[in-house]
Protein backbone atom coordinates (compact mmCIF):
# COMPACT_ATOMS: atom_id res chain seq x y z
CA UNK A 1 -17.91 29.08 -26.44
CA UNK A 2 -17.56 29.46 -22.87
CA UNK A 3 -15.21 26.97 -21.07
CA UNK A 4 -16.93 24.79 -18.21
CA UNK A 5 -14.31 25.32 -15.25
CA UNK A 6 -12.85 22.48 -13.48
CA UNK A 7 -14.45 21.84 -10.06
CA UNK A 8 -11.35 21.09 -7.69
CA UNK A 9 -8.48 21.85 -10.11
CA UNK A 10 -7.34 20.00 -12.86
CA UNK A 11 -7.49 19.39 -16.62
CA UNK A 12 -10.82 21.21 -18.61
CA UNK A 13 -11.09 18.67 -20.99
CA UNK A 14 -11.37 14.94 -21.35
CA UNK A 15 -7.91 13.21 -21.26
CA UNK A 16 -8.75 9.41 -22.25
CA UNK A 17 -6.92 7.25 -25.24
CA UNK A 18 -8.70 5.20 -27.48
CA UNK A 19 -7.27 2.05 -26.05
CA UNK A 20 -7.63 2.96 -22.41
CA UNK A 21 -11.11 3.63 -23.19
CA UNK A 22 -11.44 0.05 -24.83
CA UNK A 23 -9.54 -1.44 -21.95
CA UNK A 24 -11.70 -0.09 -19.50
CA UNK A 25 -14.71 -0.96 -21.14
CA UNK A 26 -13.84 -4.60 -21.18
CA UNK A 27 -12.61 -4.41 -17.52
CA UNK A 28 -15.87 -3.20 -16.27
CA UNK A 29 -17.22 -5.90 -18.40
CA UNK A 30 -15.13 -8.56 -16.75
CA UNK A 31 -15.95 -7.15 -13.05
CA UNK A 32 -19.70 -7.27 -13.89
CA UNK A 33 -19.80 -11.12 -15.33
CA UNK A 34 -17.11 -12.97 -13.47
CA UNK A 35 -17.72 -14.61 -9.94
CA UNK A 36 -16.95 -12.42 -7.24
CA UNK A 37 -13.71 -13.86 -5.77
CA UNK A 38 -12.23 -13.28 -9.03
CA UNK A 39 -13.26 -9.13 -9.51
CA UNK A 40 -9.86 -8.45 -7.34
CA UNK A 41 -7.68 -9.72 -10.10
CA UNK A 42 -9.40 -7.32 -13.09
CA UNK A 43 -9.40 -4.48 -10.10
CA UNK A 44 -6.14 -4.63 -9.29
CA UNK A 45 -4.62 -4.55 -13.07
CA UNK A 46 -7.14 -1.68 -14.00
CA UNK A 47 -6.26 0.35 -10.99
CA UNK A 48 -2.32 -0.39 -11.23
CA UNK A 49 -1.60 -0.14 -15.01
CA UNK A 50 -4.13 2.77 -15.93
CA UNK A 51 -1.84 5.62 -17.02
CA UNK A 52 -2.27 8.60 -15.21
CA UNK A 53 -4.53 11.39 -15.54
CA UNK A 54 -6.74 9.30 -17.69
CA UNK A 55 -10.19 10.90 -16.91
CA UNK A 56 -13.79 11.92 -18.15
CA UNK A 57 -14.25 15.37 -18.07
CA UNK A 58 -18.41 15.66 -17.46
CA UNK A 59 -19.77 18.91 -16.13
CA UNK A 60 -16.89 20.49 -14.61
CA UNK A 61 -15.95 17.17 -12.88
CA UNK A 62 -13.27 14.60 -13.55
CA UNK A 63 -14.55 11.01 -13.60
CA UNK A 64 -10.93 9.17 -13.60
CA UNK A 65 -11.01 5.87 -15.00
CA UNK A 66 -9.72 4.25 -11.63
CA UNK A 67 -12.58 6.35 -9.37
CA UNK A 68 -15.17 4.71 -12.60
CA UNK A 69 -13.54 1.17 -11.39
CA UNK A 70 -13.80 1.37 -8.01
CA UNK A 71 -17.62 2.72 -8.28
CA UNK A 72 -18.58 0.19 -10.81
CA UNK A 73 -16.76 -2.80 -8.32
CA UNK A 74 -19.14 -1.47 -5.21
CA UNK A 75 -21.58 -1.48 -7.18
CA UNK A 76 -21.09 -5.20 -7.87
CA UNK A 77 -20.17 -5.91 -4.62
CA UNK A 78 -23.75 -4.22 -3.12
CA UNK A 79 -25.66 -6.13 -5.91
CA UNK A 80 -23.77 -9.72 -4.58
CA UNK A 81 -25.22 -8.39 -0.91
CA UNK A 82 -28.70 -7.88 -2.40
CA UNK A 83 -28.53 -11.38 -3.34
CA UNK A 84 -27.96 -12.85 -0.12
CA UNK A 85 -24.14 -13.14 0.16
CA UNK A 86 -21.92 -11.72 2.78
CA UNK A 87 -19.60 -9.15 1.67
CA UNK A 88 -18.19 -8.00 4.89
CA UNK A 89 -16.13 -8.85 7.38
CA UNK A 90 -15.96 -7.56 11.02
CA UNK A 91 -14.36 -4.33 11.77
CA UNK A 92 -10.98 -3.98 13.35
CA UNK A 93 -8.88 -1.45 14.59
CA UNK A 94 -6.96 -0.63 11.52
CA UNK A 95 -10.63 -0.05 9.54
CA UNK A 96 -11.45 2.28 12.36
CA UNK A 97 -7.88 4.15 12.27
CA UNK A 98 -7.99 4.16 8.59
CA UNK A 99 -11.12 5.76 8.40
CA UNK A 100 -10.36 8.28 10.60
CA UNK A 101 -7.24 9.52 9.00
CA UNK A 102 -8.89 9.53 5.64
CA UNK A 103 -11.81 11.60 6.71
CA UNK A 104 -9.37 13.94 8.87
CA UNK A 105 -7.16 14.68 6.54
CA UNK A 106 -9.73 15.37 3.72
CA UNK A 107 -11.36 18.12 6.44
CA UNK A 108 -8.18 19.52 7.38
CA UNK A 109 -7.77 20.66 3.29
CA UNK A 110 -11.40 22.06 3.63
CA UNK A 111 -10.77 23.78 6.32
CA UNK A 112 -7.55 25.14 4.98
CA UNK A 113 -9.37 25.92 1.29
CA UNK A 114 -13.14 26.71 2.44
CA UNK A 115 -13.88 26.89 -1.07
CA UNK A 116 -16.37 24.77 -3.47
CA UNK A 117 -13.11 23.50 -5.72
CA UNK A 118 -11.68 22.19 -2.35
CA UNK A 119 -14.68 20.38 -1.28
CA UNK A 120 -15.19 18.32 -4.63
CA UNK A 121 -11.18 17.75 -4.73
CA UNK A 122 -11.48 15.71 -1.13
CA UNK A 123 -14.77 14.14 -2.42
CA UNK A 124 -12.64 12.53 -4.83
CA UNK A 125 -9.78 11.63 -2.28
CA UNK A 126 -12.43 9.94 -0.25
CA UNK A 127 -13.57 8.03 -3.20
CA UNK A 128 -10.26 6.84 -3.99
CA UNK A 129 -9.23 6.21 -0.29
CA UNK A 130 -12.25 4.92 1.37
CA UNK A 131 -13.64 3.35 -1.83
CA UNK A 132 -10.21 1.43 -2.22
CA UNK A 133 -9.37 0.65 0.95
CA UNK A 134 -12.51 -0.79 1.90
CA UNK A 135 -13.08 -2.39 -1.46
CA UNK A 136 -10.42 -4.55 -1.14
CA UNK A 137 -10.98 -5.35 2.33
CA UNK A 138 -14.34 -6.87 1.20
CA UNK A 139 -12.67 -9.01 -1.59
CA UNK A 140 -9.52 -9.80 0.56
CA UNK A 141 -10.95 -12.48 3.72
CA UNK A 142 -8.93 -15.40 4.03
CA UNK A 143 -5.64 -17.19 2.75
CA UNK A 144 -7.23 -18.12 -0.64
CA UNK A 145 -8.03 -14.47 -1.37
CA UNK A 146 -4.61 -13.36 -0.26
CA UNK A 147 -2.54 -15.84 -2.30
CA UNK A 148 -5.08 -14.67 -5.71
CA UNK A 149 -3.98 -11.24 -4.65
CA UNK A 150 -0.36 -12.00 -4.78
CA UNK A 151 -0.17 -14.08 -7.88
CA UNK A 152 -2.19 -10.80 -9.50
CA UNK A 153 0.46 -8.55 -8.58
CA UNK A 154 2.98 -11.04 -9.87
CA UNK A 155 1.13 -10.61 -13.47
CA UNK A 156 1.23 -6.79 -12.83
CA UNK A 157 5.03 -6.51 -12.23
CA UNK A 158 5.69 -8.85 -14.97
CA UNK A 159 3.83 -6.74 -17.24
CA UNK A 160 5.95 -3.66 -16.08
CA UNK A 161 8.94 -5.15 -16.29
CA UNK A 162 8.54 -5.90 -19.85
CA UNK A 163 7.10 -2.74 -20.86
CA UNK A 164 9.56 -0.42 -18.37
CA UNK A 165 12.84 -2.15 -19.61
CA UNK A 166 11.46 -1.22 -23.52
CA UNK A 167 11.04 2.52 -22.27
CA UNK A 168 14.86 2.31 -20.57
CA UNK A 169 16.29 0.97 -23.75
CA UNK A 170 14.13 2.53 -26.67
CA UNK A 171 12.91 6.05 -24.90
CA UNK A 172 9.52 5.30 -25.44
CA UNK A 173 6.58 5.12 -22.66
CA UNK A 174 4.09 2.97 -23.81
CA UNK A 175 1.64 3.90 -21.48
CA UNK A 176 1.89 7.42 -22.53
CA UNK A 177 1.55 6.30 -26.08
CA UNK A 178 -1.94 4.25 -25.50
CA UNK A 179 -3.45 6.95 -23.16
CA UNK A 180 -3.26 9.47 -26.01
CA UNK A 181 -0.45 11.88 -24.46
CA UNK A 182 2.99 10.41 -24.49
CA UNK A 183 5.25 10.94 -21.48
CA UNK A 184 8.38 12.79 -21.48
CA UNK A 185 10.73 10.89 -19.46
CA UNK A 186 13.52 11.94 -17.36
CA UNK A 187 16.74 11.22 -18.00
CA UNK A 188 19.87 11.30 -15.33
CA UNK A 189 23.28 10.20 -16.01
CA UNK A 190 22.29 9.78 -19.57
CA UNK A 191 19.76 6.92 -18.85
CA UNK A 192 16.17 7.08 -19.19
CA UNK A 193 14.14 7.22 -15.56
CA UNK A 194 11.63 4.60 -16.73
CA UNK A 195 8.47 4.92 -15.00
CA UNK A 196 5.60 3.38 -16.78
CA UNK A 197 2.07 4.14 -15.89
CA UNK A 198 2.83 5.81 -12.83
CA UNK A 199 3.59 9.61 -12.34
CA UNK A 200 7.05 9.35 -11.53
CA UNK A 201 9.98 6.75 -11.56
CA UNK A 202 10.46 6.67 -7.76
CA UNK A 203 6.75 5.70 -7.54
CA UNK A 204 7.16 2.74 -10.35
CA UNK A 205 10.19 1.65 -8.59
CA UNK A 206 8.99 1.79 -5.20
CA UNK A 207 5.67 -0.07 -5.87
CA UNK A 208 7.82 -3.03 -7.44
CA UNK A 209 10.36 -3.31 -4.51
CA UNK A 210 7.48 -3.50 -1.78
CA UNK A 211 6.36 -6.55 -3.73
CA UNK A 212 9.93 -8.92 -3.39
CA UNK A 213 8.46 -10.46 -0.24
CA UNK A 214 5.29 -11.74 -1.71
CA UNK A 215 6.87 -13.26 -4.94
CA UNK A 216 9.95 -15.01 -2.56
CA UNK A 217 6.81 -16.31 -0.65
CA UNK A 218 5.06 -17.87 -3.65
CA UNK A 219 8.52 -19.52 -4.95
CA UNK A 220 9.49 -20.70 -1.31
CA UNK A 221 5.93 -22.09 -0.43
CA UNK A 222 5.52 -23.89 -3.69
CA UNK A 223 2.52 -22.32 -4.03
CA UNK A 224 3.48 -21.07 -7.70
CA UNK A 225 7.34 -21.40 -7.72
CA UNK A 226 7.42 -20.33 -11.46
CA UNK A 227 5.35 -17.26 -10.92
CA UNK A 228 7.28 -16.41 -7.55
CA UNK A 229 10.18 -16.59 -9.81
CA UNK A 230 9.56 -14.67 -12.74
CA UNK A 231 7.84 -12.04 -10.13
CA UNK A 232 11.37 -11.73 -8.25
CA UNK A 233 12.97 -11.15 -11.83
CA UNK A 234 10.55 -8.58 -12.42
CA UNK A 235 10.72 -6.75 -9.40
CA UNK A 236 14.35 -6.63 -9.68
CA UNK A 237 14.43 -5.07 -13.12
CA UNK A 238 11.87 -2.51 -12.62
CA UNK A 239 13.80 -0.49 -9.70
CA UNK A 240 17.18 -0.69 -11.86
CA UNK A 241 15.27 0.95 -14.94
CA UNK A 242 14.02 3.76 -12.82
CA UNK A 243 17.50 5.11 -12.05
CA UNK A 244 16.36 6.10 -8.79
CA UNK A 245 17.83 5.67 -5.13
CA UNK A 246 15.04 4.80 -3.32
CA UNK A 247 13.39 1.84 -4.89
CA UNK A 248 16.71 0.44 -4.91
CA UNK A 249 16.98 1.12 -0.96
CA UNK A 250 13.51 -0.49 -0.85
CA UNK A 251 14.58 -3.45 -2.53
CA UNK A 252 17.12 -3.69 -0.38
CA UNK A 253 15.04 -3.14 2.64
CA UNK A 254 13.13 -5.98 1.46
CA UNK A 255 16.01 -8.30 1.04
CA UNK A 256 17.43 -7.13 4.55
CA UNK A 257 14.06 -7.96 6.17
CA UNK A 258 14.03 -11.76 4.76
CA UNK A 259 17.43 -12.33 5.40
CA UNK A 260 16.48 -11.38 9.32
CA UNK A 261 14.27 -14.20 9.56
CA UNK A 262 16.87 -16.10 12.03
CA UNK A 263 16.76 -13.30 14.50
CA UNK A 264 12.90 -13.25 14.41
CA UNK A 265 12.83 -14.14 18.40
CA UNK A 266 15.01 -11.53 19.07
CA UNK A 267 12.79 -8.31 17.65
CA UNK A 268 12.49 -6.64 20.54
CA UNK A 269 16.67 -6.60 21.35
CA UNK A 270 16.81 -5.41 17.61
CA UNK A 271 14.10 -2.43 18.22
CA UNK A 272 15.95 -1.03 21.15
CA UNK A 273 19.14 -1.85 19.66
CA UNK A 274 17.56 0.54 16.71
CA UNK A 275 16.66 3.24 19.47
CA UNK A 276 20.24 3.34 20.85
CA UNK A 277 22.04 3.49 17.42
CA UNK A 278 19.83 6.67 17.01
CA UNK A 279 20.86 8.48 19.96
CA UNK A 280 24.51 7.40 19.68
CA UNK A 281 24.38 8.87 16.34
CA UNK A 282 22.73 12.02 17.58
CA UNK A 283 25.32 12.15 20.12
CA UNK A 284 28.45 11.81 18.03
CA UNK A 285 27.21 13.83 14.82
CA UNK A 286 27.33 17.58 14.51
CA UNK A 287 24.05 17.47 12.94
CA UNK A 288 20.64 15.96 13.60
CA UNK A 289 20.88 12.36 13.01
CA UNK A 290 18.39 12.61 9.78
CA UNK A 291 21.16 14.27 7.96
CA UNK A 292 22.61 10.84 7.37
CA UNK A 293 20.09 10.50 4.59
CA UNK A 294 21.79 13.10 2.82
CA UNK A 295 24.83 10.61 2.14
CA UNK A 296 22.55 7.92 0.66
CA UNK A 297 23.29 8.13 -2.92
CA UNK A 298 22.74 4.74 -4.92
CA UNK A 299 22.45 5.55 -8.63
CA UNK A 300 24.75 8.89 -8.46
CA UNK A 301 22.69 12.37 -8.53
CA UNK A 302 20.25 11.78 -5.64
CA UNK A 303 18.81 14.26 -3.77
CA UNK A 304 19.22 13.18 -0.17
CA UNK A 305 19.93 16.13 1.06
CA UNK A 306 16.63 17.25 -0.22
CA UNK A 307 14.84 14.42 2.20
CA UNK A 308 16.73 15.57 5.18
CA UNK A 309 15.96 18.98 4.77
CA UNK A 310 12.34 18.05 4.30
CA UNK A 311 12.69 16.48 7.93
CA UNK A 312 14.88 19.20 9.28
CA UNK A 313 12.36 21.76 8.10
CA UNK A 314 8.96 19.57 9.21
CA UNK A 315 10.56 19.67 12.88
CA UNK A 316 11.50 23.08 12.78
CA UNK A 317 8.18 24.40 11.56
CA UNK A 318 5.99 22.23 14.06
CA UNK A 319 3.73 24.97 15.05
CA UNK A 320 3.18 25.83 11.37
CA UNK A 321 1.42 22.81 10.63
CA UNK A 322 0.31 20.68 13.76
CA UNK A 323 -3.25 21.73 13.83
CA UNK A 324 -4.56 21.36 10.22
CA UNK A 325 -1.58 21.03 8.46
CA UNK A 326 -0.21 23.81 6.03
CA UNK A 327 -0.16 25.00 2.68
CA UNK A 328 2.98 27.40 2.80
CA UNK A 329 5.87 24.51 3.15
CA UNK A 330 6.91 25.91 0.12
CA UNK A 331 8.22 28.76 1.43
CA UNK A 332 10.36 27.03 4.08
CA UNK A 333 13.58 26.23 2.18
CA UNK A 334 14.40 25.08 -1.40
CA UNK A 335 11.98 22.77 -3.22
CA UNK A 336 10.34 22.02 0.14
CA UNK A 337 7.34 22.27 -1.93
CA UNK A 338 7.98 18.57 -3.13
CA UNK A 339 7.06 16.62 0.02
CA UNK A 340 8.97 13.70 -1.31
CA UNK A 341 8.58 11.56 2.14
CA UNK A 342 5.31 10.01 3.49
CA UNK A 343 5.75 11.05 7.25
CA UNK A 344 6.15 14.56 6.24
CA UNK A 345 3.28 15.02 3.65
CA UNK A 346 0.86 13.54 6.67
CA UNK A 347 1.63 16.23 8.77
CA UNK A 348 1.81 18.99 6.27
CA UNK A 349 -1.83 17.67 4.93
CA UNK A 350 -3.55 17.12 8.07
CA UNK A 351 -1.82 18.05 11.02
CA UNK A 352 -0.32 15.93 13.76
CA UNK A 353 -3.66 14.14 14.58
CA UNK A 354 -3.19 12.71 10.63
CA UNK A 355 0.31 11.83 11.26
CA UNK A 356 -0.18 10.01 14.52
CA UNK A 357 -3.50 8.08 12.74
CA UNK A 358 -1.04 7.29 9.92
CA UNK A 359 1.74 6.06 12.37
CA UNK A 360 -0.68 4.26 14.45
CA UNK A 361 -1.82 2.32 11.45
CA UNK A 362 1.77 0.80 10.85
CA UNK A 363 2.42 0.11 14.48
CA UNK A 364 -1.15 -1.80 14.52
CA UNK A 365 0.09 -3.59 11.51
CA UNK A 366 3.42 -4.54 13.06
CA UNK A 367 1.88 -5.39 16.32
CA UNK A 368 -0.50 -7.99 14.77
CA UNK A 369 1.82 -9.78 12.48
CA UNK A 370 4.23 -10.21 15.27
CA UNK A 371 1.50 -11.84 17.76
CA UNK A 372 0.29 -13.88 14.87
CA UNK A 373 3.89 -15.26 14.13
CA UNK A 374 4.08 -15.83 17.67
CA UNK A 375 0.82 -17.97 17.63
CA UNK A 376 1.79 -20.24 15.00
CA UNK A 377 5.21 -20.83 16.95
CA UNK A 378 6.89 -24.22 15.82
CA UNK A 379 5.09 -24.09 12.33
CA UNK A 380 7.69 -22.89 9.93
CA UNK A 381 5.82 -22.49 7.14
CA UNK A 382 3.12 -20.40 8.87
CA UNK A 383 5.62 -18.13 10.91
CA UNK A 384 7.30 -17.44 7.39
CA UNK A 385 3.83 -16.74 5.92
CA UNK A 386 3.57 -13.74 8.75
CA UNK A 387 7.19 -12.74 8.45
CA UNK A 388 6.72 -12.20 4.75
CA UNK A 389 3.96 -9.83 5.49
CA UNK A 390 6.14 -8.27 8.16
CA UNK A 391 8.74 -7.89 5.34
CA UNK A 392 6.76 -6.14 3.10
CA UNK A 393 5.29 -3.87 5.95
CA UNK A 394 9.17 -3.19 6.80
CA UNK A 395 9.83 -2.09 2.94
CA UNK A 396 7.00 0.27 2.92
CA UNK A 397 8.23 1.97 5.90
CA UNK A 398 11.78 2.39 4.40
CA UNK A 399 10.11 3.91 1.35
CA UNK A 400 8.10 6.26 3.02
CA UNK A 401 11.32 8.13 3.72
CA UNK A 402 11.95 8.50 0.13
CA UNK A 403 8.43 9.16 -1.67
CA UNK A 404 5.08 10.01 -0.58
CA UNK A 405 2.17 7.41 -2.62
CA UNK A 406 0.44 9.91 -4.53
CA UNK A 407 -0.69 7.84 -7.49
CA UNK A 408 -1.72 4.38 -7.99
CA UNK A 409 0.84 3.06 -5.73
CA UNK A 410 -1.33 4.00 -2.71
CA UNK A 411 -3.58 0.90 -3.69
CA UNK A 412 -0.91 -1.47 -3.44
CA UNK A 413 -0.53 -0.10 0.35
CA UNK A 414 -4.15 -0.63 0.71
CA UNK A 415 -4.40 -3.97 -0.35
CA UNK A 416 -1.00 -4.72 1.98
CA UNK A 417 -3.19 -3.15 4.88
CA UNK A 418 -6.27 -5.29 3.89
CA UNK A 419 -3.93 -8.77 3.53
CA UNK A 420 -2.70 -7.94 7.09
CA UNK A 421 -6.32 -7.39 8.57
CA UNK A 422 -7.20 -10.62 7.19
CA UNK A 423 -4.17 -12.75 7.61
CA UNK A 424 -3.97 -12.04 11.52
CA UNK A 425 -7.41 -12.50 12.25
CA UNK A 426 -7.72 -15.69 13.49
CA UNK A 427 -4.69 -14.81 16.21
CA UNK A 428 -6.42 -11.53 17.15
CA UNK A 429 -9.44 -13.80 17.92
CA UNK A 430 -7.39 -16.00 19.97
CA UNK A 431 -6.36 -13.16 22.05
CA UNK A 432 -9.51 -11.52 23.00
CA UNK A 433 -11.67 -15.08 23.42
CA UNK A 434 -11.40 -17.06 26.23
CA UNK A 435 -9.63 -20.21 25.70
CA UNK A 436 -12.31 -22.43 26.70
CA UNK A 437 -14.89 -20.71 24.39
CA UNK A 438 -12.90 -19.94 21.55
CA UNK A 439 -14.29 -20.80 18.37
CA UNK A 440 -12.53 -21.16 15.01
CA UNK A 441 -14.80 -20.32 11.79
CA UNK A 442 -14.74 -22.78 9.03
CA UNK A 443 -13.47 -20.54 6.74
CA UNK A 444 -10.45 -20.02 8.90
CA UNK A 445 -9.83 -23.28 10.24
CA UNK A 446 -7.03 -24.05 7.66
CA UNK A 447 -4.99 -21.55 9.54
CA UNK A 448 -4.81 -23.95 12.85
CA UNK A 449 -1.23 -24.20 13.81
CA UNK A 450 0.00 -28.13 13.38
CA UNK A 451 1.34 -30.49 15.79
CA UNK A 452 -1.09 -30.16 18.85
CA UNK A 453 -0.55 -26.40 19.09
CA UNK A 454 -4.03 -25.64 18.17
CA UNK A 455 -4.83 -26.78 21.82
CA UNK A 456 -2.04 -24.97 23.45
CA UNK A 457 -3.92 -21.82 22.10
CA UNK A 458 -7.10 -22.89 23.02
CA UNK A 459 -8.75 -23.08 19.28
CA UNK A 460 -12.09 -25.39 19.58
CA UNK A 461 -14.55 -26.11 17.28
CA UNK A 462 -18.15 -25.40 18.02
CA UNK A 463 -19.22 -29.22 18.31
CA UNK A 464 -16.34 -30.21 20.66
CA UNK A 465 -17.05 -27.23 22.73
CA UNK A 466 -20.50 -28.54 22.90
CA UNK A 467 -19.41 -31.93 23.66
CA UNK A 468 -18.12 -30.60 27.26
CA UNK A 469 -21.20 -29.08 28.31
CA UNK A 470 -23.09 -31.13 30.99
CA UNK A 471 -26.97 -31.95 30.43
CA UNK A 472 -28.92 -30.18 32.30
CA UNK A 473 -30.61 -32.36 35.11
């Protein structure tokens, strides 16, 4: 029998455990039947907890479980639109930059590898990125949706904490077992580096650590104190089971950002302080300042030197990747094929344009979160809400220096971008609308600042605006 070639590379046979198949069918049924506002729960559980690499191999094409979930959720969403329900919100700068980033990154890959397999591979990439991100944008549109997503992440984190603790102490990856292909875990200093359903322990721990601000918000705001407490406990356990420095430093970055709350009005000074500190390090160090990363080792045995070397080679070989990325980075130095740095991975995958677009998304998010926090100045609860989003964003920015999101971890990143877009929508509307004509949609009126701040910001209702219009003579 002649084997069927795998277009785009990868396995040449179906890799789908019986238990995963049953769970997938169950999730697809739930997505098809439950009310639209609850679809995000089974969707995220399936996207995050599905063991890596689970796919149907049909006619040379890989139908990964996560892509099947995304496509079925889109069908359900479009069916909802056909029934007359609104499924979308107004496009914003993040949506446009994200779309450009994904398309240009896929295009540059095809330009470097002009063959049919590359096109199929990048078509799958676009289904994951554009399909996943805009699906989450459609499901996350207001405060209620954001709170629901945070609670779903808490449930996922608690599940991961239990299973990864078992993996750490028993040396058995349950997700590998149910996937039909047991995963052989790494061992560092005599301890198992648990990774759960993720492709690497670094990604498992980083995913959990970036969620800490959200669970702190659940606990502090009283939205669900018990769930928030268990969520914080879970994301503390998970990084410890991975035996990796990057998740622990990401966790520390999240704690640091939360503790920086008293200095929220001096962030401009803080940013300039960071710039001056980097300039100072560059002046006093014998090597470039990014080699400080070499000395960052929390658990022992970490390859901080590798992270520093990646950045160093990335800068030294600028003209080798700036146009459309490169496929020759493996020859730059020792283990430089392992791009465990999101910023380096963006440049090497899509060139300077993709790198700038990725950094632009981060900058836009910080700008919007800061503006939204200032717009509710005086209302501590709402200020904390936006500060939490900023803390989660900051923890991801730190994590990007130690790992690139190449598995289901990216869906948590997409969800964060969608949450920031939804939460800051009202503040952005206030900036672009004249005070005397600003209108707050009914869905978003619960975001209005308390204590008369709404009038200072110029928010008005349509009825009150109409009452000020003089009758024609």
